[in-house]
Amino acid sequence: MQNDAGEFVDLYVPRKCSASNRIIGAKDHASIQMNVAEVDKVTGRFNGQFKTYAICGAIRRMVSVAAPPALEGLVSWLLPGPLSSGHAGG
């Protein structure tokens, strides 16, 4: 929570899963958080900014079975295998 001055006053601020909007608990040790770089469309270079995604452990376990629609593009880009086009990174 933030006070009127915009300062964080809680000791623990839970994250939310980017795919399912579930709160990621402190004991969810299978969860991940990753920063994906934003790239300039013209030059193809890193522009100094990134987007942060948090994925809960339950979604990570589901990916090996069937990717939810919110993660299909990310899964096909990150994971080689039957869910993707067969190569990582592009």
Protein backbone atom coordinates (compact mmCIF):
# COMPACT_ATOMS: atom_id res chain seq x y z
CA MET A 1 0.00 0.00 0.00
CA GLN A 2 1.13 3.59 -0.59
CA ASN A 3 0.53 6.62 1.59
CA ASP A 4 -0.49 10.07 0.32
CA ALA A 5 3.14 10.94 -0.45
CA GLY A 6 3.46 7.89 -2.72
CA GLU A 7 5.81 6.00 -0.39
CA PHE A 8 5.40 2.26 0.13
CA VAL A 9 4.35 1.57 3.72
CA ASP A 10 3.96 -2.23 3.59
CA LEU A 11 6.86 -4.58 4.19
CA TYR A 12 5.60 -7.04 1.57
CA VAL A 13 3.83 -6.15 -1.66
CA PRO A 14 2.57 -9.29 -3.44
CA ARG A 15 2.96 -9.63 -7.19
CA LYS A 16 0.21 -10.69 -9.59
CA CYS A 17 0.63 -13.24 -12.34
CA SER A 18 0.71 -11.54 -15.74
CA ALA A 19 -1.18 -14.42 -17.39
CA SER A 20 -3.88 -15.27 -14.85
CA ASN A 21 -4.04 -12.23 -12.52
CA ARG A 22 -3.62 -14.56 -9.52
CA ILE A 23 -1.72 -13.18 -6.57
CA ILE A 24 1.69 -14.83 -6.33
CA GLY A 25 2.18 -15.86 -2.73
CA ALA A 26 5.43 -15.61 -0.84
CA LYS A 27 5.73 -19.41 -0.77
CA ASP A 28 5.27 -19.91 -4.52
CA HIS A 29 8.87 -20.89 -5.19
CA ALA A 30 8.08 -22.00 -8.75
CA SER A 31 7.08 -18.49 -9.82
CA ILE A 32 9.38 -16.39 -11.98
CA GLN A 33 9.74 -12.74 -12.87
CA MET A 34 11.43 -11.70 -16.07
CA ASN A 35 12.25 -8.45 -17.78
CA VAL A 36 11.81 -8.45 -21.55
CA ALA A 37 13.71 -5.73 -23.36
CA GLU A 38 11.87 -3.32 -25.63
CA VAL A 39 13.53 -2.97 -29.00
CA ASP A 40 13.51 -0.04 -31.40
CA LYS A 41 11.51 -1.09 -34.48
CA VAL A 42 13.80 0.69 -36.92
CA THR A 43 17.27 -0.14 -35.61
CA GLY A 44 16.51 -3.37 -33.75
CA ARG A 45 18.46 -2.15 -30.72
CA PHE A 46 17.57 -2.08 -27.04
CA ASN A 47 15.99 1.30 -26.25
CA GLY A 48 16.70 1.29 -22.50
CA GLN A 49 13.24 0.15 -21.42
CA PHE A 50 11.76 -3.22 -20.59
CA LYS A 51 8.48 -4.86 -19.65
CA THR A 52 8.26 -6.98 -16.51
CA TYR A 53 6.27 -10.21 -16.49
CA ALA A 54 5.56 -12.32 -13.41
CA ILE A 55 4.40 -15.91 -13.98
CA CYS A 56 3.03 -18.01 -11.12
CA GLY A 57 4.07 -21.61 -10.58
CA ALA A 58 0.64 -22.97 -11.55
CA ILE A 59 0.87 -21.40 -15.02
CA ARG A 60 4.43 -22.67 -15.45
CA ARG A 61 3.24 -26.20 -14.71
CA MET A 62 0.36 -25.82 -17.21
CA VAL A 63 2.70 -24.78 -20.01
CA SER A 64 4.04 -28.32 -20.38
CA VAL A 65 0.46 -29.58 -20.92
CA ALA A 66 -1.24 -26.78 -22.85
CA ALA A 67 -0.40 -23.10 -23.01
CA PRO A 68 -3.19 -20.69 -22.03
CA PRO A 69 -4.09 -18.16 -24.75
CA ALA A 70 -2.39 -15.34 -22.83
CA LEU A 71 0.96 -17.14 -23.06
CA GLU A 72 0.87 -18.74 -26.51
CA GLY A 73 3.05 -16.10 -28.14
CA LEU A 74 5.49 -15.99 -25.25
CA VAL A 75 5.70 -19.77 -25.02
CA SER A 76 6.32 -20.18 -28.74
CA TRP A 77 9.10 -17.63 -28.50
CA LEU A 78 10.76 -18.97 -25.33
CA LEU A 79 10.28 -22.73 -25.30
CA PRO A 80 11.34 -25.18 -27.97
CA GLY A 81 9.13 -28.22 -28.28
CA PRO A 82 5.65 -29.31 -29.31
CA LEU A 83 3.99 -26.05 -28.20
CA SER A 84 6.24 -23.83 -30.27
CA SER A 85 7.60 -23.72 -33.79
CA GLY A 86 10.59 -25.80 -32.70
CA HIS A 87 13.21 -23.16 -32.01
CA ALA A 88 13.93 -20.80 -29.15
CA GLY A 89 14.40 -17.08 -29.48
CA GLY A 90 12.51 -16.28 -32.60
